[in-house]
Amino acid sequence: MTMRLFVREQLPLLIFYAGQMLIVGLWYWLAVEDHSWATAAYGALLGIVVLALYLAYRYYTHRKLYAKLETPLADMDQSLAGLGEAPMAEAVSDLLRNQFQLYKNELYGTQQRLEHHTAFINRWIHQMKTPVSVIQLALQDLDLDDDVEDGLQEEIDRLKKGLEMALYTARLDKFEQDFKVEGVPLLMAVENAVAENRQWFIRKEVYPVIDIPPDLSVISDAKWLAFMLGQVIVNAVNYSAGAGKKVAFRAYKLGPRAVLEIRDEGIGIAKEDLGRVFDPYFTGNQGRQYHESTGMGLFLVREVCRKLDHQVGIDSAPGEGTTVRFTFNL
């Protein structure tokens, strides 16, 4: 591969040299009366030998440069390796070093801005939790109609969920510093997630049905697992078709893994939307119809699953409900 690149670079020189030989040969044929082919051949051979020596020298002094251009970089530091002692190779090496330094400076600046932005978001979210809690406490002391109170409570719950999603979105960039893998009892995790979202079940008159073996534990992070379950539960409840519907939680072992299925009896997902539900900001026809979706919940669920080595899938059909399926290591 290195030789091929060298030949491609020297091809114009070879073509130019061949043309020059033809011109000199033609001039020799026309200008010299006594045509001595031996002399002409000797001159041509001497020129070819000189050209070959030049090309050999050129290839030897630039071989590291050609090898570097033909080999993909495994990491950025490889671009700083010496490319040879020829002036062109040294100039390219200096250019790469300068570019790499500029890249590191830009990357460092971007990382600093991202860290400052993340820190600001985290502080802002925690600051917003206080007024939300105050509003909820004040709401309990007000003498309001039940419908008005339920409406305000629903908006407060929605605000809490939004703040929670923003907080976990900000933490996702620092995931490696914010997780603890351990055995998590799956039944307890689901029961806690249902209890955390009980107001959504009550408000929508949707009922949880849990069928999970009490001794089934999975390898996960309890906090991030609770977040994922919360996102799926809120979607299942919000998109349920009407009062009296159920959200079923079923878990079972499948070989060396455990599977958790969360099935609702809601409106379902259109076939053309099913392949995009894990894309960021995608809401689909149902999300636009119900005005409940931000398009980020399932995206965050998928990203967390990737980082924890879980798997998540979804099956659905319009009018037949939706099943979200998690697969965990035991």
C-alpha atoms as a PDB file:
ATOM      1  CA  MET A   1       0.000   0.000   0.000  1.00  0.00           C
ATOM      2  CA  THR A   2       2.862   2.370   0.789  1.00  0.00           C
ATOM      3  CA  MET A   3       4.496   1.722  -2.587  1.00  0.00           C
ATOM      4  CA  ARG A   4       1.174   2.255  -4.356  1.00  0.00           C
ATOM      5  CA  LEU A   5       0.801   5.717  -2.821  1.00  0.00           C
ATOM      6  CA  PHE A   6       4.412   6.530  -3.728  1.00  0.00           C
ATOM      7  CA  VAL A   7       3.869   5.513  -7.368  1.00  0.00           C
ATOM      8  CA  ARG A   8       0.673   7.581  -7.554  1.00  0.00           C
ATOM      9  CA  GLU A   9       2.537  10.636  -6.263  1.00  0.00           C
ATOM     10  CA  GLN A  10       5.476  10.165  -8.659  1.00  0.00           C
ATOM     11  CA  LEU A  11       3.307   9.313 -11.672  1.00  0.00           C
ATOM     12  CA  PRO A  12       3.379  12.896 -13.090  1.00  0.00           C
ATOM     13  CA  LEU A  13       7.184  12.875 -12.853  1.00  0.00           C
ATOM     14  CA  LEU A  14       7.379   9.519 -14.665  1.00  0.00           C
ATOM     15  CA  ILE A  15       5.052  10.719 -17.418  1.00  0.00           C
ATOM     16  CA  PHE A  16       7.017  13.970 -17.766  1.00  0.00           C
ATOM     17  CA  TYR A  17      10.309  12.046 -17.913  1.00  0.00           C
ATOM     18  CA  ALA A  18       8.966   9.645 -20.567  1.00  0.00           C
ATOM     19  CA  GLY A  19       7.836  12.611 -22.659  1.00  0.00           C
ATOM     20  CA  GLN A  20      11.219  14.246 -22.247  1.00  0.00           C
ATOM     21  CA  MET A  21      12.951  11.073 -23.435  1.00  0.00           C
ATOM     22  CA  LEU A  22      10.738  10.986 -26.520  1.00  0.00           C
ATOM     23  CA  ILE A  23      11.520  14.613 -27.338  1.00  0.00           C
ATOM     24  CA  VAL A  24      15.262  14.136 -26.859  1.00  0.00           C
ATOM     25  CA  GLY A  25      15.165  10.978 -28.962  1.00  0.00           C
ATOM     26  CA  LEU A  26      13.273  12.769 -31.731  1.00  0.00           C
ATOM     27  CA  TRP A  27      15.746  15.659 -31.637  1.00  0.00           C
ATOM     28  CA  TYR A  28      18.640  13.194 -31.813  1.00  0.00           C
ATOM     29  CA  TRP A  29      17.040  11.472 -34.795  1.00  0.00           C
ATOM     30  CA  LEU A  30      16.537  14.712 -36.687  1.00  0.00           C
ATOM     31  CA  ALA A  31      19.729  16.581 -35.746  1.00  0.00           C
ATOM     32  CA  VAL A  32      22.373  13.868 -35.924  1.00  0.00           C
ATOM     33  CA  GLU A  33      23.258  12.523 -39.352  1.00  0.00           C
ATOM     34  CA  ASP A  34      25.098   9.435 -38.174  1.00  0.00           C
ATOM     35  CA  HIS A  35      22.430   7.665 -36.120  1.00  0.00           C
ATOM     36  CA  SER A  36      24.227   5.611 -33.523  1.00  0.00           C
ATOM     37  CA  TRP A  37      21.548   3.695 -31.657  1.00  0.00           C
ATOM     38  CA  ALA A  38      24.069   2.411 -29.147  1.00  0.00           C
ATOM     39  CA  THR A  39      24.950   5.963 -28.070  1.00  0.00           C
ATOM     40  CA  ALA A  40      21.274   6.921 -27.823  1.00  0.00           C
ATOM     41  CA  ALA A  41      20.428   3.798 -25.852  1.00  0.00           C
ATOM     42  CA  TYR A  42      23.357   4.392 -23.524  1.00  0.00           C
ATOM     43  CA  GLY A  43      22.181   7.959 -22.860  1.00  0.00           C
ATOM     44  CA  ALA A  44      18.614   6.796 -22.228  1.00  0.00           C
ATOM     45  CA  LEU A  45      19.777   4.019 -19.907  1.00  0.00           C
ATOM     46  CA  LEU A  46      21.971   6.443 -17.991  1.00  0.00           C
ATOM     47  CA  GLY A  47      19.008   8.782 -17.539  1.00  0.00           C
ATOM     48  CA  ILE A  48      16.804   5.918 -16.337  1.00  0.00           C
ATOM     49  CA  VAL A  49      19.424   4.856 -13.806  1.00  0.00           C
ATOM     50  CA  VAL A  50      19.692   8.421 -12.459  1.00  0.00           C
ATOM     51  CA  LEU A  51      15.875   8.627 -12.231  1.00  0.00           C
ATOM     52  CA  ALA A  52      15.686   5.271 -10.434  1.00  0.00           C
ATOM     53  CA  LEU A  53      18.318   6.388  -7.913  1.00  0.00           C
ATOM     54  CA  TYR A  54      16.383   9.595  -7.300  1.00  0.00           C
ATOM     55  CA  LEU A  55      13.090   7.699  -6.812  1.00  0.00           C
ATOM     56  CA  ALA A  56      14.757   5.229  -4.457  1.00  0.00           C
ATOM     57  CA  TYR A  57      16.167   8.084  -2.390  1.00  0.00           C
ATOM     58  CA  ARG A  58      12.808   9.832  -2.429  1.00  0.00           C
ATOM     59  CA  TYR A  59      10.968   6.720  -1.293  1.00  0.00           C
ATOM     60  CA  TYR A  60      13.468   5.955   1.457  1.00  0.00           C
ATOM     61  CA  THR A  61      13.305   9.446   2.967  1.00  0.00           C
ATOM     62  CA  HIS A  62       9.502   9.630   2.766  1.00  0.00           C
ATOM     63  CA  ARG A  63       8.576   6.028   3.563  1.00  0.00           C
ATOM     64  CA  LYS A  64       7.370   6.859   7.086  1.00  0.00           C
ATOM     65  CA  LEU A  65       5.161   9.615   5.715  1.00  0.00           C
ATOM     66  CA  TYR A  66       3.604   7.289   3.136  1.00  0.00           C
ATOM     67  CA  ALA A  67       3.089   4.570   5.753  1.00  0.00           C
ATOM     68  CA  LYS A  68       1.378   7.065   8.075  1.00  0.00           C
ATOM     69  CA  LEU A  69      -0.906   8.318   5.318  1.00  0.00           C
ATOM     70  CA  GLU A  70      -1.940   4.772   4.427  1.00  0.00           C
ATOM     71  CA  THR A  71      -2.540   3.555   8.002  1.00  0.00           C
ATOM     72  CA  PRO A  72      -5.611   4.712   9.962  1.00  0.00           C
ATOM     73  CA  LEU A  73      -4.772   6.267  13.315  1.00  0.00           C
ATOM     74  CA  ALA A  74      -5.658   4.223  16.414  1.00  0.00           C
ATOM     75  CA  ASP A  75      -5.357   7.338  18.593  1.00  0.00           C
ATOM     76  CA  MET A  76      -4.441  10.991  18.161  1.00  0.00           C
ATOM     77  CA  ASP A  77      -0.979  10.585  19.699  1.00  0.00           C
ATOM     78  CA  GLN A  78       0.127   8.480  16.729  1.00  0.00           C
ATOM     79  CA  SER A  79      -0.034  11.577  14.524  1.00  0.00           C
ATOM     80  CA  LEU A  80       2.846  13.058  16.545  1.00  0.00           C
ATOM     81  CA  ALA A  81       5.296  10.272  15.647  1.00  0.00           C
ATOM     82  CA  GLY A  82       8.230  11.218  13.441  1.00  0.00           C
ATOM     83  CA  LEU A  83       7.533  11.045   9.713  1.00  0.00           C
ATOM     84  CA  GLY A  84      11.102  11.072   8.456  1.00  0.00           C
ATOM     85  CA  GLU A  85      13.999  13.459   8.035  1.00  0.00           C
ATOM     86  CA  ALA A  86      13.100  14.855   4.625  1.00  0.00           C
ATOM     87  CA  PRO A  87      12.028  18.540   4.607  1.00  0.00           C
ATOM     88  CA  MET A  88       8.497  17.713   3.400  1.00  0.00           C
ATOM     89  CA  ALA A  89       8.050  14.953   6.001  1.00  0.00           C
ATOM     90  CA  GLU A  90       9.280  17.270   8.770  1.00  0.00           C
ATOM     91  CA  ALA A  91       6.954  20.048   7.594  1.00  0.00           C
ATOM     92  CA  VAL A  92       3.953  17.680   7.606  1.00  0.00           C
ATOM     93  CA  SER A  93       4.950  16.393  11.048  1.00  0.00           C
ATOM     94  CA  ASP A  94       5.163  19.966  12.391  1.00  0.00           C
ATOM     95  CA  LEU A  95       1.778  20.771  10.856  1.00  0.00           C
ATOM     96  CA  LEU A  96       0.184  17.744  12.522  1.00  0.00           C
ATOM     97  CA  ARG A  97       1.702  18.677  15.881  1.00  0.00           C
ATOM     98  CA  ASN A  98       0.351  22.213  15.610  1.00  0.00           C
ATOM     99  CA  GLN A  99      -3.078  20.977  14.570  1.00  0.00           C
ATOM    100  CA  PHE A 100      -3.157  18.468  17.415  1.00  0.00           C
ATOM    101  CA  GLN A 101      -2.245  21.172  19.920  1.00  0.00           C
ATOM    102  CA  LEU A 102      -4.998  23.426  18.575  1.00  0.00           C
ATOM    103  CA  TYR A 103      -7.422  20.510  18.766  1.00  0.00           C
ATOM    104  CA  LYS A 104      -6.497  19.828  22.399  1.00  0.00           C
ATOM    105  CA  ASN A 105      -6.920  23.494  23.274  1.00  0.00           C
ATOM    106  CA  GLU A 106     -10.346  23.598  21.621  1.00  0.00           C
ATOM    107  CA  LEU A 107     -11.342  20.322  23.277  1.00  0.00           C
ATOM    108  CA  TYR A 108     -10.240  21.538  26.694  1.00  0.00           C
ATOM    109  CA  GLY A 109     -12.201  24.757  26.268  1.00  0.00           C
ATOM    110  CA  THR A 110     -15.297  22.839  25.174  1.00  0.00           C
ATOM    111  CA  GLN A 111     -14.997  20.458  28.137  1.00  0.00           C
ATOM    112  CA  GLN A 112     -14.690  23.372  30.525  1.00  0.00           C
ATOM    113  CA  ARG A 113     -17.780  25.054  29.095  1.00  0.00           C
ATOM    114  CA  LEU A 114     -19.708  21.778  29.240  1.00  0.00           C
ATOM    115  CA  GLU A 115     -18.712  21.169  32.852  1.00  0.00           C
ATOM    116  CA  HIS A 116     -19.711  24.711  33.838  1.00  0.00           C
ATOM    117  CA  HIS A 117     -23.024  24.303  32.017  1.00  0.00           C
ATOM    118  CA  THR A 118     -23.695  20.948  33.691  1.00  0.00           C
ATOM    119  CA  ALA A 119     -22.833  22.356  37.119  1.00  0.00           C
ATOM    120  CA  PHE A 120     -25.182  25.284  36.503  1.00  0.00           C
ATOM    121  CA  ILE A 121     -28.016  22.983  35.416  1.00  0.00           C
ATOM    122  CA  ASN A 122     -27.550  20.800  38.494  1.00  0.00           C
ATOM    123  CA  ARG A 123     -27.595  23.807  40.825  1.00  0.00           C
ATOM    124  CA  TRP A 124     -30.597  25.316  39.066  1.00  0.00           C
ATOM    125  CA  ILE A 125     -32.590  22.075  39.268  1.00  0.00           C
ATOM    126  CA  HIS A 126     -31.914  21.697  42.985  1.00  0.00           C
ATOM    127  CA  GLN A 127     -32.879  25.327  43.537  1.00  0.00           C
ATOM    128  CA  MET A 128     -36.133  24.808  41.648  1.00  0.00           C
ATOM    129  CA  LYS A 129     -37.075  21.829  43.808  1.00  0.00           C
ATOM    130  CA  THR A 130     -37.451  24.074  46.836  1.00  0.00           C
ATOM    131  CA  PRO A 131     -40.142  26.422  45.415  1.00  0.00           C
ATOM    132  CA  VAL A 132     -41.970  23.426  43.941  1.00  0.00           C
ATOM    133  CA  SER A 133     -42.100  21.801  47.376  1.00  0.00           C
ATOM    134  CA  VAL A 134     -43.273  25.078  48.927  1.00  0.00           C
ATOM    135  CA  ILE A 135     -46.034  25.381  46.342  1.00  0.00           C
ATOM    136  CA  GLN A 136     -47.168  21.813  47.047  1.00  0.00           C
ATOM    137  CA  LEU A 137     -47.277  22.464  50.807  1.00  0.00           C
ATOM    138  CA  ALA A 138     -49.189  25.698  50.277  1.00  0.00           C
ATOM    139  CA  LEU A 139     -51.658  23.869  48.045  1.00  0.00           C
ATOM    140  CA  GLN A 140     -52.541  21.536  50.917  1.00  0.00           C
ATOM    141  CA  ASP A 141     -53.557  24.511  53.082  1.00  0.00           C
ATOM    142  CA  LEU A 142     -55.802  26.101  50.446  1.00  0.00           C
ATOM    143  CA  ASP A 143     -59.515  25.448  50.355  1.00  0.00           C
ATOM    144  CA  LEU A 144     -59.978  24.706  46.674  1.00  0.00           C
ATOM    145  CA  ASP A 145     -62.438  22.703  44.655  1.00  0.00           C
ATOM    146  CA  ASP A 146     -61.344  19.125  44.127  1.00  0.00           C
ATOM    147  CA  ASP A 147     -61.075  19.579  40.368  1.00  0.00           C
ATOM    148  CA  VAL A 148     -58.949  22.699  40.754  1.00  0.00           C
ATOM    149  CA  GLU A 149     -56.741  21.068  43.367  1.00  0.00           C
ATOM    150  CA  ASP A 150     -56.277  17.948  41.226  1.00  0.00           C
ATOM    151  CA  GLY A 151     -55.384  20.086  38.229  1.00  0.00           C
ATOM    152  CA  LEU A 152     -52.798  22.054  40.172  1.00  0.00           C
ATOM    153  CA  GLN A 153     -51.375  18.888  41.717  1.00  0.00           C
ATOM    154  CA  GLU A 154     -51.061  17.341  38.268  1.00  0.00           C
ATOM    155  CA  GLU A 155     -49.109  20.355  37.039  1.00  0.00           C
ATOM    156  CA  ILE A 156     -46.840  20.204  40.093  1.00  0.00           C
ATOM    157  CA  ASP A 157     -46.191  16.506  39.474  1.00  0.00           C
ATOM    158  CA  ARG A 158     -45.439  17.215  35.832  1.00  0.00           C
ATOM    159  CA  LEU A 159     -43.005  19.928  36.885  1.00  0.00           C
ATOM    160  CA  LYS A 160     -41.274  17.505  39.254  1.00  0.00           C
ATOM    161  CA  LYS A 161     -40.943  14.940  36.500  1.00  0.00           C
ATOM    162  CA  GLY A 162     -39.519  17.543  34.161  1.00  0.00           C
ATOM    163  CA  LEU A 163     -36.926  18.618  36.713  1.00  0.00           C
ATOM    164  CA  GLU A 164     -36.015  14.981  37.354  1.00  0.00           C
ATOM    165  CA  MET A 165     -35.547  14.333  33.645  1.00  0.00           C
ATOM    166  CA  ALA A 166     -33.377  17.440  33.272  1.00  0.00           C
ATOM    167  CA  LEU A 167     -31.261  16.355  36.244  1.00  0.00           C
ATOM    168  CA  TYR A 168     -30.673  12.843  34.927  1.00  0.00           C
ATOM    169  CA  THR A 169     -29.985  14.185  31.441  1.00  0.00           C
ATOM    170  CA  ALA A 170     -27.240  16.387  32.877  1.00  0.00           C
ATOM    171  CA  ARG A 171     -25.834  13.491  34.899  1.00  0.00           C
ATOM    172  CA  LEU A 172     -25.704  11.200  31.893  1.00  0.00           C
ATOM    173  CA  ASP A 173     -22.505  12.867  30.629  1.00  0.00           C
ATOM    174  CA  LYS A 174     -20.823  11.972  33.942  1.00  0.00           C
ATOM    175  CA  PHE A 175     -22.390   8.550  34.148  1.00  0.00           C
ATOM    176  CA  GLU A 176     -19.111   6.759  34.903  1.00  0.00           C
ATOM    177  CA  GLN A 177     -18.797   8.807  38.110  1.00  0.00           C
ATOM    178  CA  ASP A 178     -22.409   8.342  39.190  1.00  0.00           C
ATOM    179  CA  PHE A 179     -23.336   4.671  39.226  1.00  0.00           C
ATOM    180  CA  LYS A 180     -22.895   1.612  41.434  1.00  0.00           C
ATOM    181  CA  VAL A 181     -23.474  -1.839  39.971  1.00  0.00           C
ATOM    182  CA  GLU A 182     -24.895  -4.353  42.449  1.00  0.00           C
ATOM    183  CA  GLY A 183     -27.589  -6.969  42.851  1.00  0.00           C
ATOM    184  CA  VAL A 184     -30.979  -5.236  42.889  1.00  0.00           C
ATOM    185  CA  PRO A 185     -34.148  -7.133  43.950  1.00  0.00           C
ATOM    186  CA  LEU A 186     -36.396  -6.593  40.947  1.00  0.00           C
ATOM    187  CA  LEU A 187     -39.690  -6.855  42.840  1.00  0.00           C
ATOM    188  CA  MET A 188     -38.628  -4.198  45.321  1.00  0.00           C
ATOM    189  CA  ALA A 189     -37.420  -1.911  42.527  1.00  0.00           C
ATOM    190  CA  VAL A 190     -40.744  -2.168  40.686  1.00  0.00           C
ATOM    191  CA  GLU A 191     -42.814  -1.701  43.861  1.00  0.00           C
ATOM    192  CA  ASN A 192     -40.798   1.397  44.794  1.00  0.00           C
ATOM    193  CA  ALA A 193     -41.213   2.822  41.277  1.00  0.00           C
ATOM    194  CA  VAL A 194     -44.976   2.208  41.391  1.00  0.00           C
ATOM    195  CA  ALA A 195     -45.208   3.825  44.834  1.00  0.00           C
ATOM    196  CA  GLU A 196     -43.193   6.809  43.617  1.00  0.00           C
ATOM    197  CA  ASN A 197     -45.669   7.304  40.772  1.00  0.00           C
ATOM    198  CA  ARG A 198     -48.844   6.360  42.627  1.00  0.00           C
ATOM    199  CA  GLN A 199     -50.384   9.802  42.054  1.00  0.00           C
ATOM    200  CA  TRP A 200     -50.239   9.198  38.293  1.00  0.00           C
ATOM    201  CA  PHE A 201     -52.029   5.858  38.712  1.00  0.00           C
ATOM    202  CA  ILE A 202     -54.686   7.388  40.940  1.00  0.00           C
ATOM    203  CA  ARG A 203     -55.266  10.409  38.751  1.00  0.00           C
ATOM    204  CA  LYS A 204     -55.661   8.348  35.569  1.00  0.00           C
ATOM    205  CA  GLU A 205     -57.542   5.533  37.376  1.00  0.00           C
ATOM    206  CA  VAL A 206     -55.029   3.005  36.069  1.00  0.00           C
ATOM    207  CA  TYR A 207     -54.039   0.030  38.206  1.00  0.00           C
ATOM    208  CA  PRO A 208     -50.693  -1.784  38.505  1.00  0.00           C
ATOM    209  CA  VAL A 209     -50.541  -5.567  38.386  1.00  0.00           C
ATOM    210  CA  ILE A 210     -47.221  -7.023  39.539  1.00  0.00           C
ATOM    211  CA  ASP A 211     -46.121 -10.592  38.842  1.00  0.00           C
ATOM    212  CA  ILE A 212     -42.442 -10.791  39.773  1.00  0.00           C
ATOM    213  CA  PRO A 213     -40.716 -13.572  41.747  1.00  0.00           C
ATOM    214  CA  PRO A 214     -39.618 -12.168  45.130  1.00  0.00           C
ATOM    215  CA  ASP A 215     -36.205 -13.848  44.912  1.00  0.00           C
ATOM    216  CA  LEU A 216     -35.295 -12.473  41.467  1.00  0.00           C
ATOM    217  CA  SER A 217     -32.359 -10.041  41.569  1.00  0.00           C
ATOM    218  CA  VAL A 218     -30.609  -8.380  38.637  1.00  0.00           C
ATOM    219  CA  ILE A 219     -27.245  -6.701  38.189  1.00  0.00           C
ATOM    220  CA  SER A 220     -27.936  -2.990  37.822  1.00  0.00           C
ATOM    221  CA  ASP A 221     -27.752   0.401  39.518  1.00  0.00           C
ATOM    222  CA  ALA A 222     -30.707   0.979  41.830  1.00  0.00           C
ATOM    223  CA  LYS A 223     -30.932   4.716  41.231  1.00  0.00           C
ATOM    224  CA  TRP A 224     -30.713   4.579  37.440  1.00  0.00           C
ATOM    225  CA  LEU A 225     -33.044   1.576  37.333  1.00  0.00           C
ATOM    226  CA  ALA A 226     -35.624   3.546  39.310  1.00  0.00           C
ATOM    227  CA  PHE A 227     -35.294   6.395  36.834  1.00  0.00           C
ATOM    228  CA  MET A 228     -35.834   4.091  33.843  1.00  0.00           C
ATOM    229  CA  LEU A 229     -38.833   2.412  35.443  1.00  0.00           C
ATOM    230  CA  GLY A 230     -40.307   5.803  36.268  1.00  0.00           C
ATOM    231  CA  GLN A 231     -40.042   6.967  32.661  1.00  0.00           C
ATOM    232  CA  VAL A 232     -41.744   3.836  31.330  1.00  0.00           C
ATOM    233  CA  ILE A 233     -44.463   3.937  34.012  1.00  0.00           C
ATOM    234  CA  VAL A 234     -45.356   7.556  33.303  1.00  0.00           C
ATOM    235  CA  ASN A 235     -45.642   6.794  29.583  1.00  0.00           C
ATOM    236  CA  ALA A 236     -47.750   3.691  30.251  1.00  0.00           C
ATOM    237  CA  VAL A 237     -50.140   5.587  32.516  1.00  0.00           C
ATOM    238  CA  ASN A 238     -50.385   8.721  30.406  1.00  0.00           C
ATOM    239  CA  TYR A 239     -51.154   6.858  27.209  1.00  0.00           C
ATOM    240  CA  SER A 240     -53.618   4.413  28.742  1.00  0.00           C
ATOM    241  CA  ALA A 241     -56.891   4.496  26.857  1.00  0.00           C
ATOM    242  CA  GLY A 242     -59.220   5.112  29.804  1.00  0.00           C
ATOM    243  CA  ALA A 243     -60.254   4.449  33.409  1.00  0.00           C
ATOM    244  CA  GLY A 244     -59.998   0.892  34.647  1.00  0.00           C
ATOM    245  CA  LYS A 245     -57.015   0.006  32.490  1.00  0.00           C
ATOM    246  CA  LYS A 246     -54.047  -1.881  33.908  1.00  0.00           C
ATOM    247  CA  VAL A 247     -50.275  -1.716  33.674  1.00  0.00           C
ATOM    248  CA  ALA A 248     -48.845  -5.197  34.111  1.00  0.00           C
ATOM    249  CA  PHE A 249     -45.322  -5.893  35.387  1.00  0.00           C
ATOM    250  CA  ARG A 250     -44.045  -9.404  34.692  1.00  0.00           C
ATOM    251  CA  ALA A 251     -40.526 -10.772  35.158  1.00  0.00           C
ATOM    252  CA  TYR A 252     -38.961 -14.143  34.457  1.00  0.00           C
ATOM    253  CA  LYS A 253     -35.593 -15.779  33.915  1.00  0.00           C
ATOM    254  CA  LEU A 254     -34.374 -16.445  30.393  1.00  0.00           C
ATOM    255  CA  GLY A 255     -31.175 -18.465  30.486  1.00  0.00           C
ATOM    256  CA  PRO A 256     -28.403 -16.411  32.122  1.00  0.00           C
ATOM    257  CA  ARG A 257     -30.554 -13.288  32.003  1.00  0.00           C
ATOM    258  CA  ALA A 258     -33.763 -11.890  33.469  1.00  0.00           C
ATOM    259  CA  VAL A 259     -36.532 -10.189  31.515  1.00  0.00           C
ATOM    260  CA  LEU A 260     -38.922  -7.530  32.832  1.00  0.00           C
ATOM    261  CA  GLU A 261     -41.978  -6.737  30.734  1.00  0.00           C
ATOM    262  CA  ILE A 262     -44.110  -3.645  31.371  1.00  0.00           C
ATOM    263  CA  ARG A 263     -47.329  -3.842  29.396  1.00  0.00           C
ATOM    264  CA  ASP A 264     -50.062  -1.228  29.272  1.00  0.00           C
ATOM    265  CA  GLU A 265     -53.528  -1.291  27.726  1.00  0.00           C
ATOM    266  CA  GLY A 266     -53.168   2.099  26.098  1.00  0.00           C
ATOM    267  CA  ILE A 267     -53.489   3.590  22.649  1.00  0.00           C
ATOM    268  CA  GLY A 268     -50.388   1.872  21.291  1.00  0.00           C
ATOM    269  CA  ILE A 269     -47.820   3.164  18.823  1.00  0.00           C
ATOM    270  CA  ALA A 270     -48.233   3.450  15.072  1.00  0.00           C
ATOM    271  CA  LYS A 271     -46.144   1.025  13.027  1.00  0.00           C
ATOM    272  CA  GLU A 272     -44.327   3.833  11.205  1.00  0.00           C
ATOM    273  CA  ASP A 273     -43.310   5.373  14.561  1.00  0.00           C
ATOM    274  CA  LEU A 274     -42.204   2.185  16.317  1.00  0.00           C
ATOM    275  CA  GLY A 275     -38.664   2.213  14.932  1.00  0.00           C
ATOM    276  CA  ARG A 276     -38.052   5.791  16.069  1.00  0.00           C
ATOM    277  CA  VAL A 277     -39.421   5.884  19.613  1.00  0.00           C
ATOM    278  CA  PHE A 278     -35.894   5.741  21.080  1.00  0.00           C
ATOM    279  CA  ASP A 279     -34.698   8.713  18.998  1.00  0.00           C
ATOM    280  CA  PRO A 280     -34.218  11.966  20.933  1.00  0.00           C
ATOM    281  CA  TYR A 281     -37.096  14.473  20.734  1.00  0.00           C
ATOM    282  CA  PHE A 282     -39.272  12.110  18.708  1.00  0.00           C
ATOM    283  CA  THR A 283     -42.868  12.220  19.947  1.00  0.00           C
ATOM    284  CA  GLY A 284     -44.784  10.483  17.154  1.00  0.00           C
ATOM    285  CA  ASN A 285     -48.455  10.840  16.324  1.00  0.00           C
ATOM    286  CA  GLN A 286     -49.621   9.773  19.781  1.00  0.00           C
ATOM    287  CA  GLY A 287     -47.280  12.149  21.557  1.00  0.00           C
ATOM    288  CA  ARG A 288     -48.485  15.088  19.501  1.00  0.00           C
ATOM    289  CA  GLN A 289     -52.090  14.035  20.026  1.00  0.00           C
ATOM    290  CA  TYR A 290     -51.860  13.820  23.821  1.00  0.00           C
ATOM    291  CA  HIS A 291     -49.346  16.665  24.273  1.00  0.00           C
ATOM    292  CA  GLU A 292     -47.642  14.640  27.024  1.00  0.00           C
ATOM    293  CA  SER A 293     -44.372  13.602  25.435  1.00  0.00           C
ATOM    294  CA  THR A 294     -41.086  15.466  25.371  1.00  0.00           C
ATOM    295  CA  GLY A 295     -39.485  12.814  23.172  1.00  0.00           C
ATOM    296  CA  MET A 296     -36.612  12.352  25.657  1.00  0.00           C
ATOM    297  CA  GLY A 297     -37.859   9.706  28.104  1.00  0.00           C
ATOM    298  CA  LEU A 298     -37.285   6.578  26.032  1.00  0.00           C
ATOM    299  CA  PHE A 299     -34.103   8.047  24.564  1.00  0.00           C
ATOM    300  CA  LEU A 300     -32.650   8.406  28.065  1.00  0.00           C
ATOM    301  CA  VAL A 301     -33.833   4.896  28.945  1.00  0.00           C
ATOM    302  CA  ARG A 302     -31.958   3.467  25.968  1.00  0.00           C
ATOM    303  CA  GLU A 303     -28.783   5.420  26.778  1.00  0.00           C
ATOM    304  CA  VAL A 304     -28.801   4.259  30.399  1.00  0.00           C
ATOM    305  CA  CYS A 305     -29.370   0.661  29.275  1.00  0.00           C
ATOM    306  CA  ARG A 306     -26.356   0.887  26.986  1.00  0.00           C
ATOM    307  CA  LYS A 307     -24.146   2.116  29.785  1.00  0.00           C
ATOM    308  CA  LEU A 308     -25.362  -0.564  32.220  1.00  0.00           C
ATOM    309  CA  ASP A 309     -25.187  -3.386  29.663  1.00  0.00           C
ATOM    310  CA  HIS A 310     -28.948  -3.848  29.706  1.00  0.00           C
ATOM    311  CA  GLN A 311     -31.176  -4.301  26.691  1.00  0.00           C
ATOM    312  CA  VAL A 312     -34.473  -2.569  26.036  1.00  0.00           C
ATOM    313  CA  GLY A 313     -37.034  -3.245  23.341  1.00  0.00           C
ATOM    314  CA  ILE A 314     -40.602  -2.271  22.607  1.00  0.00           C
ATOM    315  CA  ASP A 315     -43.576  -3.949  20.953  1.00  0.00           C
ATOM    316  CA  SER A 316     -46.789  -2.162  20.176  1.00  0.00           C
ATOM    317  CA  ALA A 317     -49.742  -1.822  17.849  1.00  0.00           C
ATOM    318  CA  PRO A 318     -52.387   0.934  17.647  1.00  0.00           C
ATOM    319  CA  GLY A 319     -55.246   0.213  20.013  1.00  0.00           C
ATOM    320  CA  GLU A 320     -53.565  -2.886  21.473  1.00  0.00           C
ATOM    321  CA  GLY A 321     -51.263  -1.366  24.067  1.00  0.00           C
ATOM    322  CA  THR A 322     -47.487  -1.286  24.378  1.00  0.00           C
ATOM    323  CA  THR A 323     -44.955  -3.632  25.945  1.00  0.00           C
ATOM    324  CA  VAL A 324     -41.533  -2.375  27.022  1.00  0.00           C
ATOM    325  CA  ARG A 325     -39.083  -5.212  27.650  1.00  0.00           C
ATOM    326  CA  PHE A 326     -35.894  -4.906  29.725  1.00  0.00           C
ATOM    327  CA  THR A 327     -33.234  -7.628  29.736  1.00  0.00           C
ATOM    328  CA  PHE A 328     -30.758  -7.739  32.631  1.00  0.00           C
ATOM    329  CA  ASN A 329     -27.768  -9.809  33.638  1.00  0.00           C
ATOM    330  CA  LEU A 330     -28.311 -12.045  36.644  1.00  0.00           C
END
